[in-house]
Amino acid sequence: MIRLKNYNDHKCFGYTAGILGILSTLPQLYKTFKSRDVKSFSMWTIIIGLVTSILWLSHSYYMDDSSGLMSSTYGLFYRSFLLYAKLYF
């Protein structure tokens, strides 16, 4: 079990998850940007995702979690792009 006192020894899990999470969204970003097709995206899903990203970003900041900050900042960017695409494409 990972305890808080030795959490720093296991940050590689957070960084790996963050990087894989970012990489998993790149094909969708590319497809959306190229096709400009956003009809299938639910506005509610995008809005809830934005709120979730803001909450994770706040949590990561207060927990001083750099891997969480990295992935939640990207998540905020990703969902902001989807919102922009939904409104203007």
PDB file of N, CA and C in Angstrom:
ATOM      1  N   MET A   1       0.847  -1.178   0.000  1.00  0.00           N
ATOM      2  CA  MET A   1       0.000   0.000   0.000  1.00  0.00           C
ATOM      3  C   MET A   1       0.896   1.247   0.000  1.00  0.00           C
ATOM      4  N   ILE A   2       0.494   2.239  -0.759  1.00  0.00           N
ATOM      5  CA  ILE A   2       1.259   3.480  -0.830  1.00  0.00           C
ATOM      6  C   ILE A   2       0.752   4.430   0.251  1.00  0.00           C
ATOM      7  N   ARG A   3       1.623   4.816   1.145  1.00  0.00           N
ATOM      8  CA  ARG A   3       1.266   5.751   2.209  1.00  0.00           C
ATOM      9  C   ARG A   3       1.726   7.144   1.811  1.00  0.00           C
ATOM     10  N   LEU A   4       1.117   8.134   2.427  1.00  0.00           N
ATOM     11  CA  LEU A   4       1.441   9.513   2.090  1.00  0.00           C
ATOM     12  C   LEU A   4       2.918   9.815   2.270  1.00  0.00           C
ATOM     13  N   LYS A   5       3.549   9.232   3.295  1.00  0.00           N
ATOM     14  CA  LYS A   5       4.955   9.548   3.564  1.00  0.00           C
ATOM     15  C   LYS A   5       5.886   9.053   2.459  1.00  0.00           C
ATOM     16  N   ASN A   6       5.510   7.979   1.752  1.00  0.00           N
ATOM     17  CA  ASN A   6       6.357   7.523   0.660  1.00  0.00           C
ATOM     18  C   ASN A   6       5.714   7.744  -0.708  1.00  0.00           C
ATOM     19  N   TYR A   7       4.752   8.649  -0.770  1.00  0.00           N
ATOM     20  CA  TYR A   7       4.073   8.966  -2.024  1.00  0.00           C
ATOM     21  C   TYR A   7       5.047   9.496  -3.066  1.00  0.00           C
ATOM     22  N   ASN A   8       6.015  10.288  -2.656  1.00  0.00           N
ATOM     23  CA  ASN A   8       6.981  10.848  -3.596  1.00  0.00           C
ATOM     24  C   ASN A   8       7.754   9.771  -4.342  1.00  0.00           C
ATOM     25  N   ASP A   9       7.931   8.605  -3.724  1.00  0.00           N
ATOM     26  CA  ASP A   9       8.621   7.507  -4.383  1.00  0.00           C
ATOM     27  C   ASP A   9       7.788   6.879  -5.501  1.00  0.00           C
ATOM     28  N   HIS A  10       6.500   7.194  -5.560  1.00  0.00           N
ATOM     29  CA  HIS A  10       5.598   6.548  -6.508  1.00  0.00           C
ATOM     30  C   HIS A  10       4.925   7.551  -7.448  1.00  0.00           C
ATOM     31  N   LYS A  11       5.480   8.734  -7.589  1.00  0.00           N
ATOM     32  CA  LYS A  11       4.884   9.724  -8.477  1.00  0.00           C
ATOM     33  C   LYS A  11       4.928   9.305  -9.941  1.00  0.00           C
ATOM     34  N   CYS A  12       5.769   8.343 -10.257  1.00  0.00           N
ATOM     35  CA  CYS A  12       5.857   7.881 -11.645  1.00  0.00           C
ATOM     36  C   CYS A  12       4.509   7.369 -12.139  1.00  0.00           C
ATOM     37  N   PHE A  13       3.685   6.808 -11.242  1.00  0.00           N
ATOM     38  CA  PHE A  13       2.362   6.344 -11.648  1.00  0.00           C
ATOM     39  C   PHE A  13       1.499   7.518 -12.109  1.00  0.00           C
ATOM     40  N   GLY A  14       1.553   8.609 -11.373  1.00  0.00           N
ATOM     41  CA  GLY A  14       0.777   9.789 -11.737  1.00  0.00           C
ATOM     42  C   GLY A  14       1.234  10.399 -13.054  1.00  0.00           C
ATOM     43  N   TYR A  15       2.546  10.492 -13.231  1.00  0.00           N
ATOM     44  CA  TYR A  15       3.074  11.033 -14.484  1.00  0.00           C
ATOM     45  C   TYR A  15       2.738  10.135 -15.670  1.00  0.00           C
ATOM     46  N   THR A  16       2.863   8.831 -15.481  1.00  0.00           N
ATOM     47  CA  THR A  16       2.537   7.901 -16.560  1.00  0.00           C
ATOM     48  C   THR A  16       1.062   7.985 -16.928  1.00  0.00           C
ATOM     49  N   ALA A  17       0.194   8.012 -15.935  1.00  0.00           N
ATOM     50  CA  ALA A  17      -1.238   8.130 -16.193  1.00  0.00           C
ATOM     51  C   ALA A  17      -1.557   9.457 -16.883  1.00  0.00           C
ATOM     52  N   GLY A  18      -0.931  10.538 -16.439  1.00  0.00           N
ATOM     53  CA  GLY A  18      -1.164  11.839 -17.052  1.00  0.00           C
ATOM     54  C   GLY A  18      -0.732  11.879 -18.502  1.00  0.00           C
ATOM     55  N   ILE A  19       0.439  11.345 -18.779  1.00  0.00           N
ATOM     56  CA  ILE A  19       0.943  11.344 -20.157  1.00  0.00           C
ATOM     57  C   ILE A  19       0.071  10.459 -21.055  1.00  0.00           C
ATOM     58  N   LEU A  20      -0.305   9.289 -20.570  1.00  0.00           N
ATOM     59  CA  LEU A  20      -1.176   8.417 -21.361  1.00  0.00           C
ATOM     60  C   LEU A  20      -2.548   9.044 -21.580  1.00  0.00           C
ATOM     61  N   GLY A  21      -3.062   9.726 -20.561  1.00  0.00           N
ATOM     62  CA  GLY A  21      -4.340  10.418 -20.709  1.00  0.00           C
ATOM     63  C   GLY A  21      -4.276  11.503 -21.765  1.00  0.00           C
ATOM     64  N   ILE A  22      -3.192  12.254 -21.768  1.00  0.00           N
ATOM     65  CA  ILE A  22      -3.005  13.300 -22.774  1.00  0.00           C
ATOM     66  C   ILE A  22      -2.890  12.677 -24.162  1.00  0.00           C
ATOM     67  N   LEU A  23      -2.062  11.656 -24.289  1.00  0.00           N
ATOM     68  CA  LEU A  23      -1.887  11.008 -25.591  1.00  0.00           C
ATOM     69  C   LEU A  23      -3.188  10.416 -26.119  1.00  0.00           C
ATOM     70  N   SER A  24      -4.039   9.938 -25.217  1.00  0.00           N
ATOM     71  CA  SER A  24      -5.292   9.315 -25.656  1.00  0.00           C
ATOM     72  C   SER A  24      -6.266  10.320 -26.272  1.00  0.00           C
ATOM     73  N   THR A  25      -6.110  11.605 -25.966  1.00  0.00           N
ATOM     74  CA  THR A  25      -7.038  12.604 -26.510  1.00  0.00           C
ATOM     75  C   THR A  25      -6.539  13.244 -27.805  1.00  0.00           C
ATOM     76  N   LEU A  26      -5.268  13.068 -28.119  1.00  0.00           N
ATOM     77  CA  LEU A  26      -4.714  13.723 -29.306  1.00  0.00           C
ATOM     78  C   LEU A  26      -5.398  13.322 -30.611  1.00  0.00           C
ATOM     79  N   PRO A  27      -5.711  12.040 -30.836  1.00  0.00           N
ATOM     80  CA  PRO A  27      -6.415  11.703 -32.082  1.00  0.00           C
ATOM     81  C   PRO A  27      -7.774  12.407 -32.210  1.00  0.00           C
ATOM     82  N   GLN A  28      -8.498  12.522 -31.098  1.00  0.00           N
ATOM     83  CA  GLN A  28      -9.798  13.203 -31.149  1.00  0.00           C
ATOM     84  C   GLN A  28      -9.626  14.690 -31.420  1.00  0.00           C
ATOM     85  N   LEU A  29      -8.626  15.299 -30.794  1.00  0.00           N
ATOM     86  CA  LEU A  29      -8.351  16.716 -31.072  1.00  0.00           C
ATOM     87  C   LEU A  29      -8.047  16.928 -32.548  1.00  0.00           C
ATOM     88  N   TYR A  30      -7.195  16.093 -33.095  1.00  0.00           N
ATOM     89  CA  TYR A  30      -6.815  16.210 -34.499  1.00  0.00           C
ATOM     90  C   TYR A  30      -8.032  16.022 -35.419  1.00  0.00           C
ATOM     91  N   LYS A  31      -8.819  14.989 -35.146  1.00  0.00           N
ATOM     92  CA  LYS A  31      -9.994  14.711 -35.971  1.00  0.00           C
ATOM     93  C   LYS A  31     -10.998  15.853 -35.896  1.00  0.00           C
ATOM     94  N   THR A  32     -11.237  16.368 -34.709  1.00  0.00           N
ATOM     95  CA  THR A  32     -12.185  17.469 -34.547  1.00  0.00           C
ATOM     96  C   THR A  32     -11.694  18.716 -35.265  1.00  0.00           C
ATOM     97  N   PHE A  33     -10.416  19.015 -35.125  1.00  0.00           N
ATOM     98  CA  PHE A  33      -9.856  20.202 -35.761  1.00  0.00           C
ATOM     99  C   PHE A  33      -9.927  20.086 -37.283  1.00  0.00           C
ATOM    100  N   LYS A  34      -9.597  18.917 -37.818  1.00  0.00           N
ATOM    101  CA  LYS A  34      -9.584  18.727 -39.269  1.00  0.00           C
ATOM    102  C   LYS A  34     -10.995  18.652 -39.867  1.00  0.00           C
ATOM    103  N   SER A  35     -11.879  17.916 -39.230  1.00  0.00           N
ATOM    104  CA  SER A  35     -13.217  17.693 -39.804  1.00  0.00           C
ATOM    105  C   SER A  35     -14.215  18.790 -39.444  1.00  0.00           C
ATOM    106  N   ARG A  36     -13.952  19.469 -38.342  1.00  0.00           N
ATOM    107  CA  ARG A  36     -14.880  20.488 -37.826  1.00  0.00           C
ATOM    108  C   ARG A  36     -16.268  19.909 -37.537  1.00  0.00           C
ATOM    109  N   ASP A  37     -16.314  18.632 -37.279  1.00  0.00           N
ATOM    110  CA  ASP A  37     -17.570  17.943 -36.995  1.00  0.00           C
ATOM    111  C   ASP A  37     -17.703  17.731 -35.490  1.00  0.00           C
ATOM    112  N   VAL A  38     -18.610  18.470 -34.880  1.00  0.00           N
ATOM    113  CA  VAL A  38     -18.801  18.382 -33.429  1.00  0.00           C
ATOM    114  C   VAL A  38     -20.253  18.090 -33.053  1.00  0.00           C
ATOM    115  N   LYS A  39     -21.046  17.687 -34.035  1.00  0.00           N
ATOM    116  CA  LYS A  39     -22.464  17.434 -33.786  1.00  0.00           C
ATOM    117  C   LYS A  39     -22.686  16.365 -32.717  1.00  0.00           C
ATOM    118  N   SER A  40     -21.818  15.377 -32.683  1.00  0.00           N
ATOM    119  CA  SER A  40     -22.036  14.263 -31.759  1.00  0.00           C
ATOM    120  C   SER A  40     -21.610  14.570 -30.322  1.00  0.00           C
ATOM    121  N   PHE A  41     -20.933  15.688 -30.097  1.00  0.00           N
ATOM    122  CA  PHE A  41     -20.504  16.035 -28.741  1.00  0.00           C
ATOM    123  C   PHE A  41     -21.661  16.653 -27.962  1.00  0.00           C
ATOM    124  N   SER A  42     -21.890  16.145 -26.780  1.00  0.00           N
ATOM    125  CA  SER A  42     -22.931  16.689 -25.911  1.00  0.00           C
ATOM    126  C   SER A  42     -22.399  17.928 -25.190  1.00  0.00           C
ATOM    127  N   MET A  43     -23.164  19.001 -25.237  1.00  0.00           N
ATOM    128  CA  MET A  43     -22.766  20.231 -24.549  1.00  0.00           C
ATOM    129  C   MET A  43     -22.666  19.990 -23.043  1.00  0.00           C
ATOM    130  N   TRP A  44     -23.585  19.194 -22.490  1.00  0.00           N
ATOM    131  CA  TRP A  44     -23.534  18.903 -21.057  1.00  0.00           C
ATOM    132  C   TRP A  44     -22.270  18.153 -20.677  1.00  0.00           C
ATOM    133  N   THR A  45     -21.858  17.233 -21.508  1.00  0.00           N
ATOM    134  CA  THR A  45     -20.635  16.480 -21.228  1.00  0.00           C
ATOM    135  C   THR A  45     -19.429  17.404 -21.226  1.00  0.00           C
ATOM    136  N   ILE A  46     -19.386  18.321 -22.172  1.00  0.00           N
ATOM    137  CA  ILE A  46     -18.272  19.269 -22.241  1.00  0.00           C
ATOM    138  C   ILE A  46     -18.258  20.173 -21.009  1.00  0.00           C
ATOM    139  N   ILE A  47     -19.416  20.681 -20.619  1.00  0.00           N
ATOM    140  CA  ILE A  47     -19.496  21.584 -19.457  1.00  0.00           C
ATOM    141  C   ILE A  47     -19.123  20.850 -18.170  1.00  0.00           C
ATOM    142  N   ILE A  48     -19.656  19.652 -17.988  1.00  0.00           N
ATOM    143  CA  ILE A  48     -19.313  18.870 -16.794  1.00  0.00           C
ATOM    144  C   ILE A  48     -17.817  18.554 -16.795  1.00  0.00           C
ATOM    145  N   GLY A  49     -17.259  18.246 -17.951  1.00  0.00           N
ATOM    146  CA  GLY A  49     -15.826  17.996 -18.060  1.00  0.00           C
ATOM    147  C   GLY A  49     -15.003  19.219 -17.694  1.00  0.00           C
ATOM    148  N   LEU A  50     -15.459  20.411 -18.099  1.00  0.00           N
ATOM    149  CA  LEU A  50     -14.758  21.645 -17.727  1.00  0.00           C
ATOM    150  C   LEU A  50     -14.760  21.845 -16.215  1.00  0.00           C
ATOM    151  N   VAL A  51     -15.906  21.663 -15.607  1.00  0.00           N
ATOM    152  CA  VAL A  51     -16.005  21.812 -14.150  1.00  0.00           C
ATOM    153  C   VAL A  51     -15.114  20.780 -13.457  1.00  0.00           C
ATOM    154  N   THR A  52     -15.134  19.547 -13.953  1.00  0.00           N
ATOM    155  CA  THR A  52     -14.293  18.495 -13.390  1.00  0.00           C
ATOM    156  C   THR A  52     -12.817  18.854 -13.493  1.00  0.00           C
ATOM    157  N   SER A  53     -12.406  19.375 -14.643  1.00  0.00           N
ATOM    158  CA  SER A  53     -11.005  19.774 -14.830  1.00  0.00           C
ATOM    159  C   SER A  53     -10.609  20.880 -13.865  1.00  0.00           C
ATOM    160  N   ILE A  54     -11.490  21.837 -13.658  1.00  0.00           N
ATOM    161  CA  ILE A  54     -11.205  22.933 -12.727  1.00  0.00           C
ATOM    162  C   ILE A  54     -11.059  22.397 -11.306  1.00  0.00           C
ATOM    163  N   LEU A  55     -11.936  21.482 -10.926  1.00  0.00           N
ATOM    164  CA  LEU A  55     -11.856  20.901  -9.579  1.00  0.00           C
ATOM    165  C   LEU A  55     -10.584  20.078  -9.406  1.00  0.00           C
ATOM    166  N   TRP A  56     -10.213  19.270 -10.423  1.00  0.00           N
ATOM    167  CA  TRP A  56      -8.972  18.491 -10.332  1.00  0.00           C
ATOM    168  C   TRP A  56      -7.749  19.398 -10.312  1.00  0.00           C
ATOM    169  N   LEU A  57      -7.810  20.480 -11.068  1.00  0.00           N
ATOM    170  CA  LEU A  57      -6.707  21.434 -11.074  1.00  0.00           C
ATOM    171  C   LEU A  57      -6.544  22.065  -9.692  1.00  0.00           C
ATOM    172  N   SER A  58      -7.646  22.462  -9.082  1.00  0.00           N
ATOM    173  CA  SER A  58      -7.607  23.031  -7.730  1.00  0.00           C
ATOM    174  C   SER A  58      -7.082  22.018  -6.722  1.00  0.00           C
ATOM    175  N   HIS A  59      -7.573  20.796  -6.814  1.00  0.00           N
ATOM    176  CA  HIS A  59      -7.130  19.733  -5.902  1.00  0.00           C
ATOM    177  C   HIS A  59      -5.625  19.490  -6.048  1.00  0.00           C
ATOM    178  N   SER A  60      -5.168  19.383  -7.280  1.00  0.00           N
ATOM    179  CA  SER A  60      -3.742  19.130  -7.525  1.00  0.00           C
ATOM    180  C   SER A  60      -2.874  20.268  -7.016  1.00  0.00           C
ATOM    181  N   TYR A  61      -3.359  21.485  -7.175  1.00  0.00           N
ATOM    182  CA  TYR A  61      -2.607  22.653  -6.690  1.00  0.00           C
ATOM    183  C   TYR A  61      -2.460  22.601  -5.175  1.00  0.00           C
ATOM    184  N   TYR A  62      -3.573  22.359  -4.482  1.00  0.00           N
ATOM    185  CA  TYR A  62      -3.520  22.359  -3.015  1.00  0.00           C
ATOM    186  C   TYR A  62      -2.796  21.142  -2.444  1.00  0.00           C
ATOM    187  N   MET A  63      -2.758  20.051  -3.209  1.00  0.00           N
ATOM    188  CA  MET A  63      -2.031  18.858  -2.760  1.00  0.00           C
ATOM    189  C   MET A  63      -0.577  18.891  -3.221  1.00  0.00           C
ATOM    190  N   ASP A  64      -0.193  19.933  -3.941  1.00  0.00           N
ATOM    191  CA  ASP A  64       1.165  20.086  -4.485  1.00  0.00           C
ATOM    192  C   ASP A  64       1.540  18.858  -5.321  1.00  0.00           C
ATOM    193  N   ASP A  65       0.621  18.485  -6.207  1.00  0.00           N
ATOM    194  CA  ASP A  65       0.786  17.298  -7.047  1.00  0.00           C
ATOM    195  C   ASP A  65       1.083  17.734  -8.476  1.00  0.00           C
ATOM    196  N   SER A  66       2.346  17.689  -8.861  1.00  0.00           N
ATOM    197  CA  SER A  66       2.733  18.201 -10.174  1.00  0.00           C
ATOM    198  C   SER A  66       2.187  17.345 -11.317  1.00  0.00           C
ATOM    199  N   SER A  67       2.081  16.042 -11.137  1.00  0.00           N
ATOM    200  CA  SER A  67       1.519  15.216 -12.208  1.00  0.00           C
ATOM    201  C   SER A  67       0.032  15.506 -12.386  1.00  0.00           C
ATOM    202  N   GLY A  68      -0.660  15.728 -11.293  1.00  0.00           N
ATOM    203  CA  GLY A  68      -2.073  16.102 -11.370  1.00  0.00           C
ATOM    204  C   GLY A  68      -2.262  17.462 -12.010  1.00  0.00           C
ATOM    205  N   LEU A  69      -1.376  18.391 -11.678  1.00  0.00           N
ATOM    206  CA  LEU A  69      -1.436  19.715 -12.302  1.00  0.00           C
ATOM    207  C   LEU A  69      -1.245  19.618 -13.810  1.00  0.00           C
ATOM    208  N   MET A  70      -0.292  18.792 -14.226  1.00  0.00           N
ATOM    209  CA  MET A  70      -0.021  18.627 -15.646  1.00  0.00           C
ATOM    210  C   MET A  70      -1.251  18.078 -16.373  1.00  0.00           C
ATOM    211  N   SER A  71      -1.793  16.992 -15.883  1.00  0.00           N
ATOM    212  CA  SER A  71      -2.907  16.362 -16.591  1.00  0.00           C
ATOM    213  C   SER A  71      -4.194  17.171 -16.488  1.00  0.00           C
ATOM    214  N   SER A  72      -4.440  17.803 -15.356  1.00  0.00           N
ATOM    215  CA  SER A  72      -5.677  18.585 -15.237  1.00  0.00           C
ATOM    216  C   SER A  72      -5.601  19.891 -16.016  1.00  0.00           C
ATOM    217  N   THR A  73      -4.420  20.469 -16.149  1.00  0.00           N
ATOM    218  CA  THR A  73      -4.260  21.659 -16.987  1.00  0.00           C
ATOM    219  C   THR A  73      -4.534  21.298 -18.440  1.00  0.00           C
ATOM    220  N   TYR A  74      -3.993  20.176 -18.879  1.00  0.00           N
ATOM    221  CA  TYR A  74      -4.270  19.731 -20.241  1.00  0.00           C
ATOM    222  C   TYR A  74      -5.755  19.418 -20.407  1.00  0.00           C
ATOM    223  N   GLY A  75      -6.359  18.771 -19.411  1.00  0.00           N
ATOM    224  CA  GLY A  75      -7.788  18.464 -19.477  1.00  0.00           C
ATOM    225  C   GLY A  75      -8.624  19.721 -19.623  1.00  0.00           C
ATOM    226  N   LEU A  76      -8.228  20.770 -18.934  1.00  0.00           N
ATOM    227  CA  LEU A  76      -8.928  22.050 -19.053  1.00  0.00           C
ATOM    228  C   LEU A  76      -8.762  22.609 -20.465  1.00  0.00           C
ATOM    229  N   PHE A  77      -7.559  22.534 -21.009  1.00  0.00           N
ATOM    230  CA  PHE A  77      -7.322  22.975 -22.387  1.00  0.00           C
ATOM    231  C   PHE A  77      -8.154  22.157 -23.366  1.00  0.00           C
ATOM    232  N   TYR A  78      -8.138  20.851 -23.207  1.00  0.00           N
ATOM    233  CA  TYR A  78      -8.852  19.947 -24.116  1.00  0.00           C
ATOM    234  C   TYR A  78     -10.350  20.248 -24.120  1.00  0.00           C
ATOM    235  N   ARG A  79     -10.918  20.363 -22.953  1.00  0.00           N
ATOM    236  CA  ARG A  79     -12.363  20.613 -22.878  1.00  0.00           C
ATOM    237  C   ARG A  79     -12.711  22.024 -23.311  1.00  0.00           C
ATOM    238  N   SER A  80     -11.816  22.972 -23.093  1.00  0.00           N
ATOM    239  CA  SER A  80     -12.039  24.333 -23.594  1.00  0.00           C
ATOM    240  C   SER A  80     -12.048  24.340 -25.117  1.00  0.00           C
ATOM    241  N   PHE A  81     -11.140  23.575 -25.716  1.00  0.00           N
ATOM    242  CA  PHE A  81     -11.131  23.455 -27.176  1.00  0.00           C
ATOM    243  C   PHE A  81     -12.429  22.838 -27.672  1.00  0.00           C
ATOM    244  N   LEU A  82     -12.903  21.777 -27.003  1.00  0.00           N
ATOM    245  CA  LEU A  82     -14.154  21.143 -27.424  1.00  0.00           C
ATOM    246  C   LEU A  82     -15.327  22.116 -27.299  1.00  0.00           C
ATOM    247  N   LEU A  83     -15.341  22.913 -26.245  1.00  0.00           N
ATOM    248  CA  LEU A  83     -16.396  23.912 -26.085  1.00  0.00           C
ATOM    249  C   LEU A  83     -16.326  24.943 -27.203  1.00  0.00           C
ATOM    250  N   TYR A  84     -15.130  25.433 -27.482  1.00  0.00           N
ATOM    251  CA  TYR A  84     -14.944  26.390 -28.570  1.00  0.00           C
ATOM    252  C   TYR A  84     -15.414  25.781 -29.902  1.00  0.00           C
ATOM    253  N   ALA A  85     -15.009  24.546 -30.143  1.00  0.00           N
ATOM    254  CA  ALA A  85     -15.409  23.877 -31.386  1.00  0.00           C
ATOM    255  C   ALA A  85     -16.918  23.716 -31.463  1.00  0.00           C
ATOM    256  N   LYS A  86     -17.532  23.343 -30.361  1.00  0.00           N
ATOM    257  CA  LYS A  86     -18.985  23.149 -30.340  1.00  0.00           C
ATOM    258  C   LYS A  86     -19.722  24.451 -30.626  1.00  0.00           C
ATOM    259  N   LEU A  87     -19.178  25.564 -30.117  1.00  0.00           N
ATOM    260  CA  LEU A  87     -19.839  26.854 -30.300  1.00  0.00           C
ATOM    261  C   LEU A  87     -19.576  27.487 -31.662  1.00  0.00           C
ATOM    262  N   TYR A  88     -18.394  27.260 -32.242  1.00  0.00           N
ATOM    263  CA  TYR A  88     -18.003  28.032 -33.425  1.00  0.00           C
ATOM    264  C   TYR A  88     -17.756  27.208 -34.694  1.00  0.00           C
ATOM    265  N   PHE A  89     -17.747  25.883 -34.617  1.00  0.00           N
ATOM    266  CA  PHE A  89     -17.528  25.110 -35.844  1.00  0.00           C
ATOM    267  C   PHE A  89     -18.838  24.808 -36.509  1.00  0.00           C
TER     268      PHE A  89
END
